[in-house]
Amino acid sequence: MIDAGPALFGLLVGFLVGLTGVGGGSLMTPFLVAVMGVPAPTAIGTDMVYATVTKLTGSVQHYRQRSVNLEVAIFLGLGSIPAGLLGVATLEWMEGTFDAERLKSVMITIIAATLVLVGASLIYREYFMPRRTEDDLTKQNGWDGKSPMSGRRRAYTVLFGAAGGYLVGLTSIGSGSVMAVILLLLYPIAPAIIVGTDIAHATVLSLVVGLAHMTQGNVDFGLAGTLLLGSIPGVLIGSRVAPWIPGKPLKTILAVMLIFVGARLLLS
């Protein structure tokens, strides 16, 4: 028998991802841990498998549209993939060190703080980030977004990727919104290419981290399948209606909701 609860929540999350491009891990992992009572390592590993499948279609589509900067994605991955594996190893160390209740408490605190960070990043991105043209960014950054990056920029990209990758390996949250804000701030790339590069990088990162969680037994494949039953049609529906619905108010509501949930978990 299929549990309708996860399938319906998968439908909701998929719809929001298709509509706004963000919110997958930020909503799914807290739901699995706080609402369904799934152990944190299993919730994170299951979300990674779920995220890989949901992002793969978008990644392929962006690649076909040539809206992926492969150089930026590759150097992000050089930092994020090893750091993501380190995040998985940290989670496994915590699982072996703490008892179940202590682990749940620590992970809820980490996830809650990450939710606040993600929500704040979304609000900053929508309301406080200067609307600069590619020419403005090129003048500021000394790079046109098309020629090869300098060695220094490549090193910074690896470091930014490592920071985001560790967060994803530890919590499964942040691969989209936090990384997108970094890309928007620092790289003179068109917004569509920012989105495509972010999704392409996040797909590979989710795949590698998900495989690492599989080797540790942290994936509930039945639960992941149930979530995907809802999320796949949800993504398709959200993508179809996105052109007719203003994205900014929805992203604001999502950001406020993430901050509220994170703050409430921290205070509790």
Protein backbone atom coordinates (compact mmCIF):
# COMPACT_ATOMS: atom_id res chain seq x y z
CA MET A 1 0.00 0.00 0.00
CA ILE A 2 1.24 3.51 -0.87
CA ASP A 3 1.11 6.06 1.93
CA ALA A 4 -0.76 9.04 0.48
CA GLY A 5 0.89 11.55 2.86
CA PRO A 6 4.43 11.46 1.38
CA ALA A 7 3.05 11.26 -2.17
CA LEU A 8 0.90 14.36 -1.63
CA PHE A 9 3.77 16.24 0.00
CA GLY A 10 6.00 15.18 -2.92
CA LEU A 11 3.36 16.63 -5.25
CA LEU A 12 3.43 19.93 -3.34
CA VAL A 13 7.22 20.13 -3.23
CA GLY A 14 7.51 19.18 -6.91
CA PHE A 15 4.97 21.84 -7.82
CA LEU A 16 6.93 24.51 -5.90
CA VAL A 17 10.22 23.42 -7.46
CA GLY A 18 8.71 23.55 -10.94
CA LEU A 19 7.16 26.92 -10.21
CA THR A 20 10.07 28.68 -8.48
CA GLY A 21 13.15 26.52 -9.06
CA VAL A 22 13.90 26.29 -5.34
CA GLY A 23 12.65 24.59 -2.21
CA GLY A 24 13.22 20.86 -2.74
CA GLY A 25 15.59 19.84 0.03
CA SER A 26 14.63 22.83 2.18
CA LEU A 27 11.09 21.47 2.47
CA MET A 28 11.54 17.72 2.11
CA THR A 29 14.16 16.98 4.75
CA PRO A 30 12.45 18.91 7.60
CA PHE A 31 9.14 17.24 6.66
CA LEU A 32 10.65 13.76 6.80
CA VAL A 33 12.45 14.40 10.11
CA ALA A 34 9.99 16.59 12.02
CA VAL A 35 6.64 15.40 10.66
CA MET A 36 7.14 11.78 9.62
CA GLY A 37 9.70 10.96 12.31
CA VAL A 38 12.22 9.52 9.83
CA PRO A 39 15.74 9.29 11.36
CA ALA A 40 17.85 12.23 10.17
CA PRO A 41 20.47 10.17 8.25
CA THR A 42 17.73 8.24 6.41
CA ALA A 43 15.78 11.42 5.67
CA ILE A 44 18.88 13.12 4.24
CA GLY A 45 19.94 10.12 2.14
CA THR A 46 16.42 9.57 0.82
CA ASP A 47 16.10 13.24 -0.07
CA MET A 48 19.39 13.07 -2.00
CA VAL A 49 18.08 10.22 -4.17
CA TYR A 50 14.76 12.04 -4.63
CA ALA A 51 16.58 15.27 -5.52
CA THR A 52 18.81 13.57 -8.09
CA VAL A 53 15.86 12.23 -10.05
CA THR A 54 13.85 15.46 -9.88
CA LYS A 55 16.80 17.65 -10.95
CA LEU A 56 18.06 15.38 -13.72
CA THR A 57 15.28 16.30 -16.17
CA GLY A 58 15.83 20.01 -15.63
CA SER A 59 19.58 19.60 -16.00
CA VAL A 60 19.26 17.82 -19.34
CA GLN A 61 16.84 20.46 -20.60
CA HIS A 62 19.15 23.34 -19.64
CA TYR A 63 22.10 21.59 -21.29
CA ARG A 64 20.11 21.21 -24.51
CA GLN A 65 19.27 24.93 -24.34
CA ARG A 66 22.98 25.71 -23.86
CA SER A 67 22.20 27.48 -20.61
CA VAL A 68 24.95 25.73 -18.61
CA ASN A 69 28.43 27.18 -18.05
CA LEU A 70 30.37 23.93 -17.89
CA GLU A 71 33.57 25.51 -16.59
CA VAL A 72 31.86 27.04 -13.56
CA ALA A 73 29.90 23.83 -12.92
CA ILE A 74 33.06 21.68 -13.13
CA PHE A 75 35.07 23.82 -10.71
CA LEU A 76 32.15 24.04 -8.32
CA GLY A 77 32.01 20.24 -8.43
CA LEU A 78 35.75 19.92 -7.74
CA GLY A 79 35.06 21.54 -4.40
CA SER A 80 31.52 20.39 -3.64
CA ILE A 81 31.86 16.66 -4.34
CA PRO A 82 34.77 15.94 -1.93
CA ALA A 83 33.22 18.27 0.65
CA GLY A 84 29.83 16.62 0.20
CA LEU A 85 31.41 13.22 0.91
CA LEU A 86 33.04 14.75 3.98
CA GLY A 87 29.58 15.93 5.07
CA VAL A 88 28.28 12.35 4.74
CA ALA A 89 31.26 11.09 6.77
CA THR A 90 30.54 13.71 9.44
CA LEU A 91 26.94 12.56 9.64
CA GLU A 92 28.05 8.94 9.97
CA TRP A 93 30.50 9.91 12.74
CA MET A 94 27.70 11.71 14.58
CA GLU A 95 25.41 8.69 14.16
CA GLY A 96 28.05 6.45 15.74
CA THR A 97 28.88 8.91 18.51
CA PHE A 98 25.49 10.14 19.71
CA ASP A 99 22.46 8.17 20.81
CA ALA A 100 19.31 8.42 18.66
CA GLU A 101 17.65 11.22 20.63
CA ARG A 102 20.82 13.30 20.85
CA LEU A 103 21.48 12.85 17.13
CA LYS A 104 17.94 13.92 16.29
CA SER A 105 18.29 17.02 18.48
CA VAL A 106 21.64 18.02 16.96
CA MET A 107 20.49 17.43 13.39
CA ILE A 108 17.24 19.35 13.87
CA THR A 109 19.30 22.29 15.16
CA ILE A 110 21.65 22.14 12.15
CA ILE A 111 18.77 21.76 9.69
CA ALA A 112 16.85 24.62 11.35
CA ALA A 113 19.84 26.97 11.12
CA THR A 114 20.29 26.00 7.47
CA LEU A 115 16.61 26.74 6.75
CA VAL A 116 17.00 30.24 8.18
CA LEU A 117 20.12 30.74 6.01
CA VAL A 118 18.32 29.53 2.89
CA GLY A 119 15.26 31.69 3.56
CA ALA A 120 17.41 34.76 4.17
CA SER A 121 19.35 34.02 0.96
CA LEU A 122 16.12 33.92 -1.04
CA ILE A 123 14.91 37.22 0.38
CA TYR A 124 18.27 38.86 -0.27
CA ARG A 125 18.27 37.51 -3.80
CA GLU A 126 14.79 38.84 -4.57
CA TYR A 127 14.81 42.22 -2.79
CA PHE A 128 18.31 43.42 -1.96
CA MET A 129 20.60 42.11 -4.69
CA PRO A 130 21.43 44.89 -7.18
CA ARG A 131 19.99 44.30 -10.65
CA ARG A 132 23.25 44.50 -12.57
CA THR A 133 23.76 43.87 -16.24
CA GLU A 134 26.38 41.49 -17.59
CA ASP A 135 28.49 44.54 -18.57
CA ASP A 136 28.34 45.83 -14.99
CA LEU A 137 29.43 42.46 -13.64
CA THR A 138 32.19 42.16 -16.23
CA LYS A 139 33.62 45.52 -15.18
CA GLN A 140 33.38 44.61 -11.50
CA ASN A 141 34.76 41.08 -11.81
CA GLY A 142 37.20 41.43 -14.71
CA TRP A 143 35.72 38.41 -16.50
CA ASP A 144 33.18 38.26 -19.30
CA GLY A 145 31.65 34.88 -18.33
CA LYS A 146 32.65 33.36 -21.69
CA SER A 147 36.45 33.26 -21.77
CA PRO A 148 38.33 30.81 -19.46
CA MET A 149 38.46 31.79 -15.79
CA SER A 150 41.70 32.90 -14.18
CA GLY A 151 43.48 30.59 -11.73
CA ARG A 152 42.37 32.76 -8.81
CA ARG A 153 38.71 32.65 -9.88
CA ARG A 154 38.91 28.89 -10.31
CA ALA A 155 40.31 28.57 -6.79
CA TYR A 156 37.50 30.73 -5.37
CA THR A 157 34.95 28.65 -7.27
CA VAL A 158 36.34 25.43 -5.76
CA LEU A 159 36.16 26.97 -2.27
CA PHE A 160 32.57 28.17 -2.74
CA GLY A 161 31.64 24.74 -4.04
CA ALA A 162 33.25 23.08 -1.02
CA ALA A 163 31.26 25.22 1.42
CA GLY A 164 27.97 24.43 -0.32
CA GLY A 165 28.85 20.77 -0.84
CA TYR A 166 29.59 20.15 2.83
CA LEU A 167 26.26 21.68 3.77
CA VAL A 168 24.46 19.44 1.27
CA GLY A 169 26.28 16.29 2.40
CA LEU A 170 25.41 17.01 6.01
CA THR A 171 21.82 18.22 5.62
CA SER A 172 20.77 17.76 1.93
CA ILE A 173 19.76 21.46 1.99
CA GLY A 174 21.20 24.43 0.15
CA SER A 175 22.39 23.08 -3.20
CA GLY A 176 20.02 25.40 -5.06
CA SER A 177 19.26 28.63 -3.25
CA VAL A 178 22.54 29.29 -1.41
CA MET A 179 24.70 28.34 -4.38
CA ALA A 180 22.55 30.40 -6.75
CA VAL A 181 23.04 33.52 -4.61
CA ILE A 182 26.83 32.99 -4.69
CA LEU A 183 26.74 32.60 -8.47
CA LEU A 184 24.57 35.68 -8.91
CA LEU A 185 26.85 37.78 -6.71
CA LEU A 186 30.18 36.78 -8.16
CA TYR A 187 29.79 35.69 -11.78
CA PRO A 188 28.88 37.84 -14.81
CA ILE A 189 26.52 35.23 -16.27
CA ALA A 190 23.01 35.67 -17.62
CA PRO A 191 20.29 34.65 -15.11
CA ALA A 192 19.16 31.71 -17.28
CA ILE A 193 22.72 30.36 -17.33
CA ILE A 194 22.99 30.86 -13.56
CA VAL A 195 19.90 28.65 -13.13
CA GLY A 196 21.10 26.04 -15.61
CA THR A 197 24.62 25.91 -14.16
CA ASP A 198 23.24 25.64 -10.64
CA ILE A 199 20.87 22.79 -11.54
CA ALA A 200 23.52 20.89 -13.54
CA HIS A 201 26.00 21.14 -10.68
CA ALA A 202 23.36 20.23 -8.09
CA THR A 203 22.34 17.14 -10.07
CA VAL A 204 25.86 15.70 -10.06
CA LEU A 205 26.41 16.66 -6.42
CA SER A 206 23.11 15.04 -5.38
CA LEU A 207 23.97 11.88 -7.33
CA VAL A 208 27.41 11.45 -5.72
CA VAL A 209 26.23 12.30 -2.20
CA GLY A 210 23.17 10.08 -2.68
CA LEU A 211 25.39 7.15 -3.68
CA ALA A 212 27.52 7.75 -0.59
CA HIS A 213 24.39 7.65 1.57
CA MET A 214 23.31 4.43 -0.17
CA THR A 215 26.58 2.75 0.83
CA GLN A 216 25.84 3.69 4.44
CA GLY A 217 22.28 2.34 4.33
CA ASN A 218 20.76 5.81 4.66
CA VAL A 219 18.24 5.52 1.80
CA ASP A 220 14.65 4.30 2.08
CA PHE A 221 13.96 3.43 -1.57
CA GLY A 222 10.27 2.74 -0.95
CA LEU A 223 9.82 6.19 0.58
CA ALA A 224 11.84 7.83 -2.21
CA GLY A 225 9.62 6.12 -4.79
CA THR A 226 6.48 7.30 -3.04
CA LEU A 227 7.77 10.88 -2.94
CA LEU A 228 8.65 10.74 -6.64
CA LEU A 229 5.13 9.52 -7.51
CA GLY A 230 3.94 12.93 -6.38
CA SER A 231 6.89 15.12 -7.23
CA ILE A 232 7.33 14.21 -10.90
CA PRO A 233 3.82 15.30 -11.93
CA GLY A 234 4.17 18.21 -9.52
CA VAL A 235 7.30 19.48 -11.28
CA LEU A 236 5.62 19.14 -14.67
CA ILE A 237 2.52 21.02 -13.52
CA GLY A 238 4.56 23.74 -11.80
CA SER A 239 6.75 24.24 -14.88
CA ARG A 240 3.68 24.54 -17.11
CA VAL A 241 1.92 27.19 -14.99
CA ALA A 242 5.08 29.12 -14.05
CA PRO A 243 4.84 31.58 -17.00
CA TRP A 244 1.39 32.70 -15.81
CA ILE A 245 2.13 33.07 -12.10
CA PRO A 246 4.42 35.79 -10.70
CA GLY A 247 7.42 34.06 -9.14
CA LYS A 248 8.58 36.80 -6.78
CA PRO A 249 5.60 36.70 -4.36
CA LEU A 250 5.76 32.90 -4.25
CA LYS A 251 9.49 32.92 -3.53
CA THR A 252 8.90 35.48 -0.79
CA ILE A 253 6.22 33.31 0.82
CA LEU A 254 8.50 30.30 0.55
CA ALA A 255 11.42 32.21 2.09
CA VAL A 256 9.32 33.50 4.99
CA MET A 257 7.97 30.00 5.57
CA LEU A 258 11.50 28.54 5.67
CA ILE A 259 12.67 31.19 8.14
CA PHE A 260 9.58 30.64 10.30
CA VAL A 261 9.98 26.86 10.36
CA GLY A 262 13.72 27.14 11.03
CA ALA A 263 13.26 29.66 13.83
CA ARG A 264 10.48 27.60 15.42
CA LEU A 265 12.65 24.46 15.35
CA LEU A 266 15.55 26.39 16.89
CA LEU A 267 13.39 27.82 19.66
CA SER A 268 11.76 24.48 20.42
